[in-house]
Amino acid sequence: MHNLAKDAPVPVFADLIGNTKLAREYEQMILKRPERKFQGVIEYCFSGMKYKVRLNDEGRYIAFNLLGIKTMQSDKNQPIFDEYANDALQLAKDNLYQRDVTVELHFADKRGNFFGVIIMSNKVDFATRLLEEGLAMVHI
């Protein structure tokens, strides 16, 4: 790594977002493992419950949704919904964006979106944090 004659190795990550075939294959690999917790970094926050996660040890980017909760969708015709959606997104950006997290994957849907739990660096489940702040509701 400190050799001046050679460049440092560049990490390569496979992007599974939008590639349903690769995401389904990766889901099958995940389901066979006894341990489904991975270290990762939140690369982007789409909403209060949808994220782009980089799994460092796996070398992959995945689309990730929080399991068991639902945040309000942004609706310009209903300003109170828009306010709740923006508050949830801001909380996610403040606590997760570009931070190390532990991701526990449970399953993926037919579009290749993974569902599971995000545990922040202080050992707090982020879905619980959204519920405590009143920015999400339990969704079964």
N, C-alpha and C. Protein backbone atom coordinates (compact mmCIF):
# COMPACT_ATOMS: atom_id res chain seq x y z
N MET A 1 0.81 -1.18 0.00
CA MET A 1 0.00 0.00 0.00
C MET A 1 0.87 1.26 0.00
N HIS A 2 2.05 1.21 0.62
CA HIS A 2 2.91 2.38 0.70
C HIS A 2 4.05 2.34 -0.31
N ASN A 3 3.93 1.46 -1.27
CA ASN A 3 4.93 1.35 -2.32
C ASN A 3 4.71 2.49 -3.32
N LEU A 4 5.74 3.25 -3.57
CA LEU A 4 5.62 4.38 -4.49
C LEU A 4 5.60 3.94 -5.95
N ALA A 5 6.10 2.74 -6.21
CA ALA A 5 6.14 2.28 -7.59
C ALA A 5 4.77 1.81 -8.08
N LYS A 6 3.92 1.37 -7.17
CA LYS A 6 2.60 0.86 -7.55
C LYS A 6 1.51 1.72 -6.91
N ASP A 7 0.40 1.80 -7.61
CA ASP A 7 -0.75 2.50 -7.05
C ASP A 7 -1.44 1.60 -6.02
N ALA A 8 -2.12 2.22 -5.08
CA ALA A 8 -2.87 1.47 -4.07
C ALA A 8 -4.03 0.74 -4.76
N PRO A 9 -4.38 -0.44 -4.27
CA PRO A 9 -5.50 -1.16 -4.88
C PRO A 9 -6.81 -0.39 -4.70
N VAL A 10 -7.62 -0.40 -5.74
CA VAL A 10 -8.90 0.29 -5.72
C VAL A 10 -9.98 -0.75 -5.42
N PRO A 11 -10.74 -0.55 -4.34
CA PRO A 11 -11.80 -1.52 -4.04
C PRO A 11 -12.91 -1.43 -5.08
N VAL A 12 -13.41 -2.58 -5.49
CA VAL A 12 -14.46 -2.66 -6.49
C VAL A 12 -15.70 -3.24 -5.81
N PHE A 13 -16.83 -2.57 -5.97
CA PHE A 13 -18.09 -3.01 -5.38
C PHE A 13 -19.09 -3.29 -6.49
N ALA A 14 -19.81 -4.41 -6.37
CA ALA A 14 -20.86 -4.75 -7.32
C ALA A 14 -22.14 -4.03 -6.89
N ASP A 15 -22.75 -3.32 -7.82
CA ASP A 15 -23.96 -2.57 -7.52
C ASP A 15 -25.18 -3.43 -7.84
N LEU A 16 -25.90 -3.85 -6.80
CA LEU A 16 -27.08 -4.70 -6.99
C LEU A 16 -28.37 -3.90 -7.12
N ILE A 17 -28.28 -2.59 -7.02
CA ILE A 17 -29.47 -1.75 -7.12
C ILE A 17 -29.91 -1.71 -8.57
N GLY A 18 -31.14 -2.10 -8.80
CA GLY A 18 -31.67 -2.12 -10.16
C GLY A 18 -31.35 -3.39 -10.93
N ASN A 19 -30.49 -4.24 -10.41
CA ASN A 19 -30.15 -5.50 -11.07
C ASN A 19 -30.81 -6.63 -10.29
N THR A 20 -32.04 -6.95 -10.66
CA THR A 20 -32.82 -7.91 -9.88
C THR A 20 -32.24 -9.31 -9.93
N LYS A 21 -31.63 -9.67 -11.04
CA LYS A 21 -31.07 -11.02 -11.16
C LYS A 21 -29.92 -11.22 -10.16
N LEU A 22 -28.98 -10.29 -10.13
CA LEU A 22 -27.88 -10.40 -9.18
C LEU A 22 -28.35 -10.29 -7.74
N ALA A 23 -29.35 -9.45 -7.49
CA ALA A 23 -29.88 -9.31 -6.13
C ALA A 23 -30.55 -10.60 -5.67
N ARG A 24 -31.27 -11.28 -6.55
CA ARG A 24 -31.91 -12.55 -6.18
C ARG A 24 -30.87 -13.63 -5.92
N GLU A 25 -29.82 -13.65 -6.73
CA GLU A 25 -28.74 -14.62 -6.49
C GLU A 25 -28.05 -14.35 -5.16
N TYR A 26 -27.83 -13.08 -4.85
CA TYR A 26 -27.20 -12.73 -3.58
C TYR A 26 -28.11 -13.08 -2.40
N GLU A 27 -29.41 -12.90 -2.58
CA GLU A 27 -30.36 -13.27 -1.53
C GLU A 27 -30.29 -14.76 -1.24
N GLN A 28 -30.18 -15.58 -2.27
CA GLN A 28 -30.08 -17.02 -2.07
C GLN A 28 -28.80 -17.37 -1.30
N MET A 29 -27.71 -16.68 -1.57
CA MET A 29 -26.47 -16.91 -0.82
C MET A 29 -26.64 -16.51 0.64
N ILE A 30 -27.32 -15.38 0.88
CA ILE A 30 -27.52 -14.88 2.24
C ILE A 30 -28.38 -15.84 3.06
N LEU A 31 -29.44 -16.36 2.46
CA LEU A 31 -30.37 -17.22 3.19
C LEU A 31 -29.73 -18.52 3.65
N LYS A 32 -28.65 -18.93 3.03
CA LYS A 32 -27.97 -20.17 3.44
C LYS A 32 -27.03 -19.95 4.62
N ARG A 33 -26.71 -18.71 4.93
CA ARG A 33 -25.76 -18.42 6.01
C ARG A 33 -26.46 -18.41 7.37
N PRO A 34 -25.78 -18.90 8.39
CA PRO A 34 -26.39 -18.81 9.73
C PRO A 34 -26.33 -17.39 10.30
N GLU A 35 -25.30 -16.64 9.95
CA GLU A 35 -25.13 -15.27 10.44
C GLU A 35 -25.41 -14.31 9.30
N ARG A 36 -26.42 -13.44 9.48
CA ARG A 36 -26.80 -12.51 8.42
C ARG A 36 -26.55 -11.06 8.79
N LYS A 37 -25.63 -10.81 9.72
CA LYS A 37 -25.27 -9.45 10.10
C LYS A 37 -24.01 -9.03 9.37
N PHE A 38 -24.03 -7.83 8.81
CA PHE A 38 -22.91 -7.34 8.02
C PHE A 38 -22.58 -5.92 8.45
N GLN A 39 -21.31 -5.58 8.36
CA GLN A 39 -20.86 -4.21 8.59
C GLN A 39 -21.00 -3.45 7.28
N GLY A 40 -21.51 -2.25 7.36
CA GLY A 40 -21.70 -1.48 6.15
C GLY A 40 -21.69 0.01 6.42
N VAL A 41 -21.87 0.76 5.34
CA VAL A 41 -21.93 2.22 5.39
C VAL A 41 -23.15 2.64 4.60
N ILE A 42 -23.93 3.56 5.16
CA ILE A 42 -25.08 4.10 4.44
C ILE A 42 -24.55 5.11 3.43
N GLU A 43 -24.70 4.80 2.16
CA GLU A 43 -24.19 5.66 1.09
C GLU A 43 -25.17 6.76 0.70
N TYR A 44 -26.47 6.46 0.79
CA TYR A 44 -27.47 7.45 0.39
C TYR A 44 -28.77 7.16 1.11
N CYS A 45 -29.50 8.20 1.46
CA CYS A 45 -30.81 8.07 2.10
C CYS A 45 -31.87 8.54 1.10
N PHE A 46 -32.69 7.61 0.62
CA PHE A 46 -33.76 7.97 -0.31
C PHE A 46 -34.95 8.54 0.45
N SER A 47 -35.24 7.97 1.61
CA SER A 47 -36.31 8.45 2.49
C SER A 47 -35.96 8.03 3.91
N GLY A 48 -36.90 8.18 4.82
CA GLY A 48 -36.64 7.81 6.20
C GLY A 48 -36.46 6.33 6.41
N MET A 49 -36.91 5.52 5.43
CA MET A 49 -36.81 4.07 5.60
C MET A 49 -36.13 3.36 4.43
N LYS A 50 -35.69 4.08 3.41
CA LYS A 50 -35.06 3.46 2.24
C LYS A 50 -33.65 4.02 2.07
N TYR A 51 -32.68 3.09 1.87
CA TYR A 51 -31.28 3.50 1.84
C TYR A 51 -30.50 2.72 0.79
N LYS A 52 -29.36 3.28 0.43
CA LYS A 52 -28.36 2.57 -0.36
C LYS A 52 -27.23 2.24 0.62
N VAL A 53 -26.94 0.95 0.77
CA VAL A 53 -25.96 0.49 1.76
C VAL A 53 -24.79 -0.16 1.05
N ARG A 54 -23.58 0.19 1.47
CA ARG A 54 -22.37 -0.46 0.98
C ARG A 54 -21.95 -1.49 2.01
N LEU A 55 -21.97 -2.76 1.61
CA LEU A 55 -21.52 -3.84 2.48
C LEU A 55 -20.03 -4.03 2.24
N ASN A 56 -19.21 -3.62 3.21
CA ASN A 56 -17.77 -3.58 3.02
C ASN A 56 -17.16 -4.97 2.79
N ASP A 57 -17.50 -5.93 3.64
CA ASP A 57 -16.89 -7.26 3.54
C ASP A 57 -17.39 -8.04 2.34
N GLU A 58 -18.60 -7.72 1.88
CA GLU A 58 -19.19 -8.44 0.76
C GLU A 58 -18.84 -7.83 -0.59
N GLY A 59 -18.45 -6.56 -0.59
CA GLY A 59 -18.11 -5.90 -1.85
C GLY A 59 -19.32 -5.60 -2.71
N ARG A 60 -20.44 -5.19 -2.06
CA ARG A 60 -21.68 -4.95 -2.79
C ARG A 60 -22.39 -3.71 -2.28
N TYR A 61 -23.15 -3.07 -3.19
CA TYR A 61 -24.11 -2.04 -2.83
C TYR A 61 -25.49 -2.67 -2.92
N ILE A 62 -26.34 -2.42 -1.93
CA ILE A 62 -27.70 -2.97 -1.98
C ILE A 62 -28.71 -1.87 -1.68
N ALA A 63 -29.91 -2.05 -2.18
CA ALA A 63 -31.05 -1.22 -1.81
C ALA A 63 -31.65 -1.84 -0.56
N PHE A 64 -31.87 -1.02 0.47
CA PHE A 64 -32.27 -1.55 1.77
C PHE A 64 -33.48 -0.79 2.31
N ASN A 65 -34.46 -1.52 2.84
CA ASN A 65 -35.63 -0.95 3.48
C ASN A 65 -35.70 -1.46 4.91
N LEU A 66 -36.12 -0.59 5.82
CA LEU A 66 -36.31 -1.01 7.20
C LEU A 66 -37.51 -1.93 7.29
N LEU A 67 -37.39 -2.97 8.06
CA LEU A 67 -38.43 -3.98 8.21
C LEU A 67 -39.33 -3.62 9.38
N GLY A 68 -40.65 -3.66 9.17
CA GLY A 68 -41.60 -3.50 10.25
C GLY A 68 -42.10 -2.10 10.50
N ILE A 69 -41.55 -1.10 9.81
CA ILE A 69 -42.04 0.27 9.99
C ILE A 69 -42.31 0.91 8.64
N LYS A 70 -43.06 2.00 8.69
CA LYS A 70 -43.34 2.76 7.48
C LYS A 70 -43.33 4.23 7.83
N THR A 71 -42.64 5.03 7.04
CA THR A 71 -42.65 6.48 7.22
C THR A 71 -43.61 7.09 6.23
N MET A 72 -44.00 8.31 6.48
CA MET A 72 -44.93 9.01 5.58
C MET A 72 -44.27 9.28 4.24
N GLN A 73 -45.07 9.20 3.19
CA GLN A 73 -44.59 9.54 1.86
C GLN A 73 -44.75 11.05 1.65
N SER A 74 -43.82 11.64 0.96
CA SER A 74 -43.88 13.06 0.68
C SER A 74 -45.04 13.35 -0.26
N ASP A 75 -45.95 14.23 0.16
CA ASP A 75 -47.12 14.57 -0.64
C ASP A 75 -47.30 16.09 -0.60
N LYS A 76 -47.14 16.72 -1.74
CA LYS A 76 -47.22 18.18 -1.79
C LYS A 76 -48.63 18.70 -1.55
N ASN A 77 -49.64 17.86 -1.80
CA ASN A 77 -51.02 18.28 -1.57
C ASN A 77 -51.39 18.25 -0.09
N GLN A 78 -50.65 17.49 0.71
CA GLN A 78 -50.90 17.40 2.14
C GLN A 78 -49.63 17.82 2.87
N PRO A 79 -49.52 19.07 3.24
CA PRO A 79 -48.27 19.58 3.80
C PRO A 79 -47.85 18.90 5.10
N ILE A 80 -48.79 18.39 5.90
CA ILE A 80 -48.41 17.73 7.15
C ILE A 80 -47.68 16.42 6.86
N PHE A 81 -48.10 15.69 5.82
CA PHE A 81 -47.39 14.46 5.42
C PHE A 81 -46.00 14.79 4.91
N ASP A 82 -45.93 15.87 4.14
CA ASP A 82 -44.65 16.31 3.60
C ASP A 82 -43.68 16.69 4.73
N GLU A 83 -44.20 17.32 5.76
CA GLU A 83 -43.36 17.71 6.90
C GLU A 83 -42.84 16.49 7.65
N TYR A 84 -43.70 15.50 7.88
CA TYR A 84 -43.26 14.27 8.55
C TYR A 84 -42.24 13.51 7.72
N ALA A 85 -42.46 13.45 6.41
CA ALA A 85 -41.52 12.74 5.53
C ALA A 85 -40.16 13.43 5.53
N ASN A 86 -40.15 14.76 5.49
CA ASN A 86 -38.89 15.49 5.50
C ASN A 86 -38.17 15.36 6.85
N ASP A 87 -38.94 15.34 7.94
CA ASP A 87 -38.33 15.17 9.26
C ASP A 87 -37.69 13.79 9.40
N ALA A 88 -38.37 12.75 8.88
CA ALA A 88 -37.81 11.39 8.93
C ALA A 88 -36.55 11.30 8.08
N LEU A 89 -36.57 11.91 6.91
CA LEU A 89 -35.39 11.91 6.05
C LEU A 89 -34.24 12.66 6.71
N GLN A 90 -34.52 13.78 7.35
CA GLN A 90 -33.47 14.55 8.01
C GLN A 90 -32.89 13.78 9.19
N LEU A 91 -33.73 13.07 9.95
CA LEU A 91 -33.23 12.25 11.05
C LEU A 91 -32.32 11.14 10.53
N ALA A 92 -32.71 10.54 9.41
CA ALA A 92 -31.89 9.49 8.81
C ALA A 92 -30.55 10.06 8.34
N LYS A 93 -30.56 11.22 7.72
CA LYS A 93 -29.32 11.83 7.26
C LYS A 93 -28.42 12.21 8.43
N ASP A 94 -29.01 12.74 9.49
CA ASP A 94 -28.22 13.15 10.65
C ASP A 94 -27.58 11.98 11.38
N ASN A 95 -28.27 10.83 11.41
CA ASN A 95 -27.79 9.70 12.21
C ASN A 95 -27.12 8.59 11.40
N LEU A 96 -27.42 8.49 10.10
CA LEU A 96 -26.93 7.35 9.32
C LEU A 96 -26.03 7.71 8.15
N TYR A 97 -26.26 8.81 7.50
CA TYR A 97 -25.57 9.11 6.24
C TYR A 97 -24.06 9.11 6.41
N GLN A 98 -23.39 8.27 5.62
CA GLN A 98 -21.93 8.11 5.62
C GLN A 98 -21.39 7.65 6.97
N ARG A 99 -22.17 6.85 7.68
CA ARG A 99 -21.75 6.32 8.97
C ARG A 99 -21.72 4.81 8.93
N ASP A 100 -20.87 4.24 9.79
CA ASP A 100 -20.77 2.79 9.91
C ASP A 100 -21.98 2.27 10.67
N VAL A 101 -22.58 1.21 10.13
CA VAL A 101 -23.74 0.58 10.75
C VAL A 101 -23.59 -0.93 10.65
N THR A 102 -24.40 -1.63 11.43
CA THR A 102 -24.53 -3.07 11.29
C THR A 102 -25.89 -3.34 10.66
N VAL A 103 -25.92 -4.11 9.60
CA VAL A 103 -27.14 -4.39 8.87
C VAL A 103 -27.45 -5.87 9.02
N GLU A 104 -28.67 -6.18 9.43
CA GLU A 104 -29.11 -7.56 9.52
C GLU A 104 -30.15 -7.78 8.42
N LEU A 105 -29.82 -8.62 7.45
CA LEU A 105 -30.68 -8.85 6.30
C LEU A 105 -31.61 -10.03 6.57
N HIS A 106 -32.90 -9.86 6.24
CA HIS A 106 -33.88 -10.92 6.45
C HIS A 106 -34.34 -11.55 5.13
N PHE A 107 -34.69 -10.72 4.15
CA PHE A 107 -35.13 -11.23 2.86
C PHE A 107 -35.08 -10.10 1.84
N ALA A 108 -35.39 -10.45 0.60
CA ALA A 108 -35.47 -9.45 -0.48
C ALA A 108 -36.78 -9.65 -1.23
N ASP A 109 -37.30 -8.57 -1.79
CA ASP A 109 -38.52 -8.69 -2.58
C ASP A 109 -38.18 -9.01 -4.03
N LYS A 110 -39.19 -9.09 -4.87
CA LYS A 110 -38.95 -9.49 -6.26
C LYS A 110 -38.21 -8.45 -7.08
N ARG A 111 -38.14 -7.20 -6.57
CA ARG A 111 -37.40 -6.14 -7.26
C ARG A 111 -35.95 -6.03 -6.81
N GLY A 112 -35.55 -6.85 -5.84
CA GLY A 112 -34.17 -6.83 -5.38
C GLY A 112 -33.90 -5.89 -4.23
N ASN A 113 -34.96 -5.39 -3.57
CA ASN A 113 -34.80 -4.54 -2.39
C ASN A 113 -34.70 -5.44 -1.16
N PHE A 114 -33.66 -5.24 -0.37
CA PHE A 114 -33.47 -6.06 0.83
C PHE A 114 -34.18 -5.42 2.01
N PHE A 115 -34.70 -6.25 2.90
CA PHE A 115 -35.39 -5.80 4.10
C PHE A 115 -34.67 -6.32 5.32
N GLY A 116 -34.62 -5.49 6.36
CA GLY A 116 -33.95 -5.92 7.57
C GLY A 116 -33.89 -4.82 8.61
N VAL A 117 -32.86 -4.92 9.45
CA VAL A 117 -32.70 -4.04 10.61
C VAL A 117 -31.36 -3.32 10.49
N ILE A 118 -31.36 -2.03 10.83
CA ILE A 118 -30.12 -1.25 10.90
C ILE A 118 -29.83 -0.95 12.36
N ILE A 119 -28.62 -1.32 12.79
CA ILE A 119 -28.19 -1.02 14.15
C ILE A 119 -27.05 -0.01 14.05
N MET A 120 -27.27 1.15 14.69
CA MET A 120 -26.28 2.22 14.63
C MET A 120 -25.06 1.87 15.49
N SER A 121 -24.04 2.69 15.42
CA SER A 121 -22.79 2.42 16.14
C SER A 121 -22.97 2.45 17.66
N ASN A 122 -24.02 3.11 18.17
CA ASN A 122 -24.27 3.12 19.61
C ASN A 122 -25.21 1.99 20.04
N LYS A 123 -25.36 0.97 19.20
CA LYS A 123 -26.14 -0.25 19.48
C LYS A 123 -27.64 0.01 19.58
N VAL A 124 -28.14 1.04 18.92
CA VAL A 124 -29.56 1.36 18.92
C VAL A 124 -30.15 1.01 17.56
N ASP A 125 -31.30 0.34 17.57
CA ASP A 125 -32.01 0.02 16.34
C ASP A 125 -32.61 1.32 15.78
N PHE A 126 -32.33 1.62 14.51
CA PHE A 126 -32.79 2.89 13.94
C PHE A 126 -34.30 2.92 13.77
N ALA A 127 -34.93 1.79 13.51
CA ALA A 127 -36.39 1.76 13.39
C ALA A 127 -37.04 2.16 14.71
N THR A 128 -36.47 1.71 15.82
CA THR A 128 -36.97 2.10 17.13
C THR A 128 -36.80 3.59 17.34
N ARG A 129 -35.71 4.14 16.88
CA ARG A 129 -35.46 5.57 17.01
C ARG A 129 -36.49 6.38 16.23
N LEU A 130 -36.84 5.93 15.03
CA LEU A 130 -37.87 6.61 14.25
C LEU A 130 -39.23 6.55 14.95
N LEU A 131 -39.54 5.41 15.54
CA LEU A 131 -40.80 5.26 16.27
C LEU A 131 -40.83 6.16 17.50
N GLU A 132 -39.73 6.23 18.22
CA GLU A 132 -39.67 7.07 19.42
C GLU A 132 -39.86 8.54 19.08
N GLU A 133 -39.36 8.96 17.94
CA GLU A 133 -39.49 10.36 17.53
C GLU A 133 -40.87 10.66 16.94
N GLY A 134 -41.67 9.62 16.71
CA GLY A 134 -43.00 9.82 16.15
C GLY A 134 -43.01 10.04 14.66
N LEU A 135 -41.95 9.60 13.97
CA LEU A 135 -41.83 9.83 12.53
C LEU A 135 -42.14 8.59 11.70
N ALA A 136 -42.55 7.51 12.35
CA ALA A 136 -42.85 6.27 11.64
C ALA A 136 -43.99 5.57 12.36
N MET A 137 -44.59 4.60 11.67
CA MET A 137 -45.62 3.77 12.29
C MET A 137 -45.29 2.31 12.02
N VAL A 138 -45.77 1.46 12.91
CA VAL A 138 -45.52 0.03 12.77
C VAL A 138 -46.31 -0.47 11.58
N HIS A 139 -45.64 -1.24 10.73
CA HIS A 139 -46.26 -1.74 9.50
C HIS A 139 -46.00 -3.24 9.41
N ILE A 140 -47.04 -4.01 9.36
CA ILE A 140 -46.89 -5.47 9.28
C ILE A 140 -47.29 -5.95 7.91
